[in-house]
PDB file of N, CA and C in Angstrom:
ATOM      1  N   MET A   1     -11.341  -3.183   5.445  1.00  0.00           N
ATOM      2  CA  MET A   1     -12.032  -1.766   5.210  1.00  0.00           C
ATOM      3  C   MET A   1     -13.233  -3.043   4.546  1.00  0.00           C
ATOM      4  N   PRO A   2     -14.338  -2.946   4.337  1.00  0.00           N
ATOM      5  CA  PRO A   2     -15.813  -3.860   4.116  1.00  0.00           C
ATOM      6  C   PRO A   2     -15.988  -3.376   3.130  1.00  0.00           C
ATOM      7  N   LYS A   3     -17.077  -4.917   2.429  1.00  0.00           N
ATOM      8  CA  LYS A   3     -17.259  -4.306   1.208  1.00  0.00           C
ATOM      9  C   LYS A   3     -19.130  -3.039   1.574  1.00  0.00           C
ATOM     10  N   MET A   4     -18.414  -2.328   0.231  1.00  0.00           N
ATOM     11  CA  MET A   4     -19.883  -1.743   0.354  1.00  0.00           C
ATOM     12  C   MET A   4     -20.958  -1.864  -0.251  1.00  0.00           C
ATOM     13  N   LYS A   5     -22.787  -1.528   0.218  1.00  0.00           N
ATOM     14  CA  LYS A   5     -23.568  -2.667  -0.231  1.00  0.00           C
ATOM     15  C   LYS A   5     -24.449  -1.566  -1.553  1.00  0.00           C
ATOM     16  N   THR A   6     -25.022  -2.886  -2.314  1.00  0.00           N
ATOM     17  CA  THR A   6     -25.934  -1.971  -3.637  1.00  0.00           C
ATOM     18  C   THR A   6     -27.591  -1.717  -2.800  1.00  0.00           C
ATOM     19  N   ASN A   7     -27.662  -0.678  -3.036  1.00  0.00           N
ATOM     20  CA  ASN A   7     -29.124  -0.062  -2.891  1.00  0.00           C
ATOM     21  C   ASN A   7     -30.135  -1.399  -3.557  1.00  0.00           C
ATOM     22  N   ARG A   8     -30.575  -1.936  -3.172  1.00  0.00           N
ATOM     23  CA  ARG A   8     -31.583  -3.528  -3.936  1.00  0.00           C
ATOM     24  C   ARG A   8     -32.641  -2.067  -4.618  1.00  0.00           C
ATOM     25  N   GLY A   9     -33.301  -1.025  -4.082  1.00  0.00           N
ATOM     26  CA  GLY A   9     -34.353  -1.001  -5.152  1.00  0.00           C
ATOM     27  C   GLY A   9     -34.034  -0.182  -6.193  1.00  0.00           C
ATOM     28  N   ALA A  10     -32.432   0.393  -6.361  1.00  0.00           N
ATOM     29  CA  ALA A  10     -32.057   0.942  -6.991  1.00  0.00           C
ATOM     30  C   ALA A  10     -31.371  -0.459  -8.647  1.00  0.00           C
ATOM     31  N   ALA A  11     -31.073  -1.459  -8.012  1.00  0.00           N
ATOM     32  CA  ALA A  11     -30.898  -1.925  -8.426  1.00  0.00           C
ATOM     33  C   ALA A  11     -31.694  -2.682  -9.339  1.00  0.00           C
ATOM     34  N   LYS A  12     -32.994  -3.080  -9.222  1.00  0.00           N
ATOM     35  CA  LYS A  12     -34.225  -3.169  -9.566  1.00  0.00           C
ATOM     36  C   LYS A  12     -34.652  -2.076 -10.674  1.00  0.00           C
ATOM     37  N   ARG A  13     -33.901  -0.992 -10.950  1.00  0.00           N
ATOM     38  CA  ARG A  13     -34.451   0.018 -11.742  1.00  0.00           C
ATOM     39  C   ARG A  13     -33.299   0.200 -12.689  1.00  0.00           C
ATOM     40  N   PHE A  14     -32.635   0.257 -12.015  1.00  0.00           N
ATOM     41  CA  PHE A  14     -31.178   0.775 -13.275  1.00  0.00           C
ATOM     42  C   PHE A  14     -30.286  -1.043 -13.968  1.00  0.00           C
ATOM     43  N   SER A  15     -30.126  -0.720 -15.402  1.00  0.00           N
ATOM     44  CA  SER A  15     -28.882  -1.578 -14.982  1.00  0.00           C
ATOM     45  C   SER A  15     -28.077  -1.106 -16.249  1.00  0.00           C
ATOM     46  N   ARG A  16     -27.136  -1.090 -16.562  1.00  0.00           N
ATOM     47  CA  ARG A  16     -25.851  -0.812 -17.209  1.00  0.00           C
ATOM     48  C   ARG A  16     -25.775  -1.655 -18.984  1.00  0.00           C
ATOM     49  N   THR A  17     -25.541  -0.510 -19.812  1.00  0.00           N
ATOM     50  CA  THR A  17     -25.644  -0.674 -21.462  1.00  0.00           C
ATOM     51  C   THR A  17     -23.903  -1.354 -21.762  1.00  0.00           C
ATOM     52  N   GLY A  18     -23.863  -1.759 -22.616  1.00  0.00           N
ATOM     53  CA  GLY A  18     -22.157  -2.132 -23.301  1.00  0.00           C
ATOM     54  C   GLY A  18     -21.676  -1.191 -22.842  1.00  0.00           C
ATOM     55  N   LYS A  19     -22.412   0.090 -23.470  1.00  0.00           N
ATOM     56  CA  LYS A  19     -21.275   1.146 -23.429  1.00  0.00           C
ATOM     57  C   LYS A  19     -20.467   2.092 -21.913  1.00  0.00           C
ATOM     58  N   GLY A  20     -21.722   1.503 -21.070  1.00  0.00           N
ATOM     59  CA  GLY A  20     -21.727   2.031 -19.631  1.00  0.00           C
ATOM     60  C   GLY A  20     -22.542   3.357 -19.160  1.00  0.00           C
ATOM     61  N   ARG A  21     -23.881   3.428 -20.452  1.00  0.00           N
ATOM     62  CA  ARG A  21     -24.304   4.141 -20.171  1.00  0.00           C
ATOM     63  C   ARG A  21     -25.556   3.341 -18.872  1.00  0.00           C
ATOM     64  N   ILE A  22     -26.116   4.146 -18.209  1.00  0.00           N
ATOM     65  CA  ILE A  22     -27.202   3.777 -17.484  1.00  0.00           C
ATOM     66  C   ILE A  22     -28.918   3.910 -17.851  1.00  0.00           C
ATOM     67  N   LYS A  23     -29.304   2.186 -18.050  1.00  0.00           N
ATOM     68  CA  LYS A  23     -30.875   1.794 -18.841  1.00  0.00           C
ATOM     69  C   LYS A  23     -31.861   2.953 -17.426  1.00  0.00           C
ATOM     70  N   ARG A  24     -33.003   2.947 -18.024  1.00  0.00           N
ATOM     71  CA  ARG A  24     -33.656   2.958 -16.866  1.00  0.00           C
ATOM     72  C   ARG A  24     -35.301   2.780 -17.819  1.00  0.00           C
ATOM     73  N   ALA A  25     -36.454   2.839 -16.593  1.00  0.00           N
ATOM     74  CA  ALA A  25     -38.098   2.197 -17.201  1.00  0.00           C
ATOM     75  C   ALA A  25     -38.168   3.438 -17.424  1.00  0.00           C
ATOM     76  N   GLN A  26     -39.687   4.053 -18.309  1.00  0.00           N
ATOM     77  CA  GLN A  26     -40.295   4.862 -18.118  1.00  0.00           C
ATOM     78  C   GLN A  26     -41.493   4.211 -16.706  1.00  0.00           C
ATOM     79  N   SER A  27     -42.020   5.591 -16.566  1.00  0.00           N
ATOM     80  CA  SER A  27     -43.406   5.487 -15.674  1.00  0.00           C
ATOM     81  C   SER A  27     -44.379   6.035 -16.385  1.00  0.00           C
ATOM     82  N   HIS A  28     -45.788   5.754 -16.210  1.00  0.00           N
ATOM     83  CA  HIS A  28     -46.515   6.037 -16.745  1.00  0.00           C
ATOM     84  C   HIS A  28     -47.270   4.784 -17.789  1.00  0.00           C
ATOM     85  N   LEU A  29     -46.786   3.292 -17.214  1.00  0.00           N
ATOM     86  CA  LEU A  29     -47.409   2.378 -17.866  1.00  0.00           C
ATOM     87  C   LEU A  29     -47.975   1.607 -16.984  1.00  0.00           C
ATOM     88  N   ARG A  30     -48.087   1.323 -16.246  1.00  0.00           N
ATOM     89  CA  ARG A  30     -49.191   0.679 -15.130  1.00  0.00           C
ATOM     90  C   ARG A  30     -49.944   0.493 -15.480  1.00  0.00           C
ATOM     91  N   HIS A  31     -51.286   1.567 -15.265  1.00  0.00           N
ATOM     92  CA  HIS A  31     -52.545   1.625 -15.112  1.00  0.00           C
ATOM     93  C   HIS A  31     -52.974   2.733 -15.694  1.00  0.00           C
ATOM     94  N   ILE A  32     -54.690   2.499 -15.830  1.00  0.00           N
ATOM     95  CA  ILE A  32     -55.133   3.867 -16.571  1.00  0.00           C
ATOM     96  C   ILE A  32     -54.420   4.326 -18.227  1.00  0.00           C
ATOM     97  N   LEU A  33     -54.972   2.710 -18.727  1.00  0.00           N
ATOM     98  CA  LEU A  33     -54.173   3.289 -19.746  1.00  0.00           C
ATOM     99  C   LEU A  33     -54.836   2.916 -20.909  1.00  0.00           C
ATOM    100  N   THR A  34     -56.385   3.008 -20.798  1.00  0.00           N
ATOM    101  CA  THR A  34     -57.336   3.469 -21.746  1.00  0.00           C
ATOM    102  C   THR A  34     -57.532   4.867 -22.298  1.00  0.00           C
ATOM    103  N   LYS A  35     -57.309   5.641 -21.065  1.00  0.00           N
ATOM    104  CA  LYS A  35     -57.406   6.761 -21.973  1.00  0.00           C
ATOM    105  C   LYS A  35     -55.485   7.606 -22.614  1.00  0.00           C
ATOM    106  N   LYS A  36     -55.267   6.915 -22.828  1.00  0.00           N
ATOM    107  CA  LYS A  36     -53.921   7.246 -23.027  1.00  0.00           C
ATOM    108  C   LYS A  36     -53.517   6.565 -24.547  1.00  0.00           C
ATOM    109  N   ARG A  37     -53.026   7.699 -25.442  1.00  0.00           N
ATOM    110  CA  ARG A  37     -52.772   7.151 -27.156  1.00  0.00           C
ATOM    111  C   ARG A  37     -52.006   6.112 -27.163  1.00  0.00           C
ATOM    112  N   SER A  38     -52.177   5.131 -28.072  1.00  0.00           N
ATOM    113  CA  SER A  38     -50.937   4.162 -29.120  1.00  0.00           C
ATOM    114  C   SER A  38     -50.334   4.551 -29.104  1.00  0.00           C
ATOM    115  N   LYS A  39     -50.456   5.539 -29.449  1.00  0.00           N
ATOM    116  CA  LYS A  39     -48.648   6.136 -29.643  1.00  0.00           C
ATOM    117  C   LYS A  39     -47.569   6.494 -28.376  1.00  0.00           C
ATOM    118  N   ARG A  40     -48.327   7.185 -27.571  1.00  0.00           N
ATOM    119  CA  ARG A  40     -47.763   7.488 -26.340  1.00  0.00           C
ATOM    120  C   ARG A  40     -47.373   6.247 -25.380  1.00  0.00           C
ATOM    121  N   LYS A  41     -48.710   4.921 -25.437  1.00  0.00           N
ATOM    122  CA  LYS A  41     -48.156   3.751 -24.378  1.00  0.00           C
ATOM    123  C   LYS A  41     -46.867   3.036 -25.351  1.00  0.00           C
ATOM    124  N   ARG A  42     -46.728   3.342 -26.689  1.00  0.00           N
ATOM    125  CA  ARG A  42     -45.617   2.665 -27.686  1.00  0.00           C
ATOM    126  C   ARG A  42     -44.064   3.544 -26.882  1.00  0.00           C
ATOM    127  N   GLN A  43     -44.255   4.675 -26.881  1.00  0.00           N
ATOM    128  CA  GLN A  43     -43.198   5.426 -26.578  1.00  0.00           C
ATOM    129  C   GLN A  43     -42.822   5.460 -25.272  1.00  0.00           C
ATOM    130  N   LEU A  44     -43.579   5.001 -24.313  1.00  0.00           N
ATOM    131  CA  LEU A  44     -43.042   5.217 -22.916  1.00  0.00           C
ATOM    132  C   LEU A  44     -42.606   3.553 -22.998  1.00  0.00           C
ATOM    133  N   GLY A  45     -43.141   2.947 -23.918  1.00  0.00           N
ATOM    134  CA  GLY A  45     -42.223   0.780 -23.663  1.00  0.00           C
ATOM    135  C   GLY A  45     -40.925   1.049 -24.159  1.00  0.00           C
ATOM    136  N   GLU A  46     -40.313   2.609 -25.296  1.00  0.00           N
ATOM    137  CA  GLU A  46     -38.656   2.181 -25.494  1.00  0.00           C
ATOM    138  C   GLU A  46     -37.778   2.350 -23.942  1.00  0.00           C
ATOM    139  N   THR A  47     -36.438   2.401 -24.019  1.00  0.00           N
ATOM    140  CA  THR A  47     -35.488   2.264 -23.255  1.00  0.00           C
ATOM    141  C   THR A  47     -35.548   3.728 -22.865  1.00  0.00           C
ATOM    142  N   ALA A  48     -34.851   3.971 -21.972  1.00  0.00           N
ATOM    143  CA  ALA A  48     -34.795   5.332 -21.795  1.00  0.00           C
ATOM    144  C   ALA A  48     -33.568   5.794 -20.719  1.00  0.00           C
ATOM    145  N   TYR A  49     -32.630   6.457 -20.460  1.00  0.00           N
ATOM    146  CA  TYR A  49     -31.421   6.782 -19.969  1.00  0.00           C
ATOM    147  C   TYR A  49     -31.603   7.595 -18.866  1.00  0.00           C
ATOM    148  N   VAL A  50     -31.072   7.367 -17.593  1.00  0.00           N
ATOM    149  CA  VAL A  50     -30.281   8.492 -16.807  1.00  0.00           C
ATOM    150  C   VAL A  50     -29.913   9.759 -17.447  1.00  0.00           C
ATOM    151  N   ALA A  51     -30.464  10.670 -16.821  1.00  0.00           N
ATOM    152  CA  ALA A  51     -29.744  11.922 -17.219  1.00  0.00           C
ATOM    153  C   ALA A  51     -28.704  12.155 -16.571  1.00  0.00           C
ATOM    154  N   GLU A  52     -27.920  12.915 -17.300  1.00  0.00           N
ATOM    155  CA  GLU A  52     -26.189  13.197 -17.117  1.00  0.00           C
ATOM    156  C   GLU A  52     -26.198  13.775 -15.615  1.00  0.00           C
ATOM    157  N   CYS A  53     -26.965  14.060 -15.311  1.00  0.00           N
ATOM    158  CA  CYS A  53     -26.694  14.809 -13.654  1.00  0.00           C
ATOM    159  C   CYS A  53     -27.192  14.182 -12.940  1.00  0.00           C
ATOM    160  N   ASP A  54     -28.013  13.840 -12.554  1.00  0.00           N
ATOM    161  CA  ASP A  54     -28.217  11.667 -11.945  1.00  0.00           C
ATOM    162  C   ASP A  54     -27.944  10.718 -12.072  1.00  0.00           C
ATOM    163  N   VAL A  55     -26.751  10.530 -12.928  1.00  0.00           N
ATOM    164  CA  VAL A  55     -25.690   9.454 -13.006  1.00  0.00           C
ATOM    165  C   VAL A  55     -24.916   9.491 -12.185  1.00  0.00           C
ATOM    166  N   PRO A  56     -23.938  10.125 -11.377  1.00  0.00           N
ATOM    167  CA  PRO A  56     -23.295  10.061  -9.896  1.00  0.00           C
ATOM    168  C   PRO A  56     -23.818   9.837  -8.708  1.00  0.00           C
ATOM    169  N   SER A  57     -25.022   9.637  -8.840  1.00  0.00           N
ATOM    170  CA  SER A  57     -25.737   9.302  -7.983  1.00  0.00           C
ATOM    171  C   SER A  57     -26.329   7.795  -7.820  1.00  0.00           C
ATOM    172  N   VAL A  58     -26.863   7.756  -9.448  1.00  0.00           N
ATOM    173  CA  VAL A  58     -26.852   6.669  -9.186  1.00  0.00           C
ATOM    174  C   VAL A  58     -25.873   5.252  -8.871  1.00  0.00           C
ATOM    175  N   LYS A  59     -24.855   5.567  -9.712  1.00  0.00           N
ATOM    176  CA  LYS A  59     -23.403   4.657  -9.735  1.00  0.00           C
ATOM    177  C   LYS A  59     -23.217   4.688  -8.221  1.00  0.00           C
ATOM    178  N   LYS A  60     -23.837   5.795  -7.174  1.00  0.00           N
ATOM    179  CA  LYS A  60     -22.944   5.419  -5.705  1.00  0.00           C
ATOM    180  C   LYS A  60     -23.711   3.770  -5.482  1.00  0.00           C
ATOM    181  N   MET A  61     -25.185   4.086  -5.770  1.00  0.00           N
ATOM    182  CA  MET A  61     -26.441   3.395  -4.964  1.00  0.00           C
ATOM    183  C   MET A  61     -26.001   1.689  -6.218  1.00  0.00           C
ATOM    184  N   LEU A  62     -25.047   1.823  -6.717  1.00  0.00           N
ATOM    185  CA  LEU A  62     -25.014   0.510  -7.872  1.00  0.00           C
ATOM    186  C   LEU A  62     -23.050   0.512  -7.608  1.00  0.00           C
ATOM    187  N   PRO A  63     -21.999   0.046  -6.988  1.00  0.00           N
ATOM    188  CA  PRO A  63     -20.644   0.364  -6.909  1.00  0.00           C
ATOM    189  C   PRO A  63     -19.912  -0.880  -7.744  1.00  0.00           C
ATOM    190  N   TYR A  64     -21.338  -2.164  -8.028  1.00  0.00           N
ATOM    191  CA  TYR A  64     -20.291  -3.412  -8.103  1.00  0.00           C
ATOM    192  C   TYR A  64     -21.088  -3.339  -9.557  1.00  0.00           C
ATOM    193  N   SER A  65     -21.849  -2.732 -10.340  1.00  0.00           N
ATOM    194  CA  SER A  65     -22.168  -2.699 -12.025  1.00  0.00           C
ATOM    195  C   SER A  65     -21.270  -2.406 -12.931  1.00  0.00           C
TER     196      SER A  65
END
């Protein structure tokens, strides 16, 4: 049976933690930052995790991670 292919777009966006959870970045931190408060920008920079309902589809895209 051939090897499964990793979805390269997903590989650049998601990574696993030591405990096996899937880590992701938050959106809305690329541009138009002048109108956003410092607290909001600081909180957007924190690590977020993929929701439990989305974990199976992300794991399917990343078979070897």
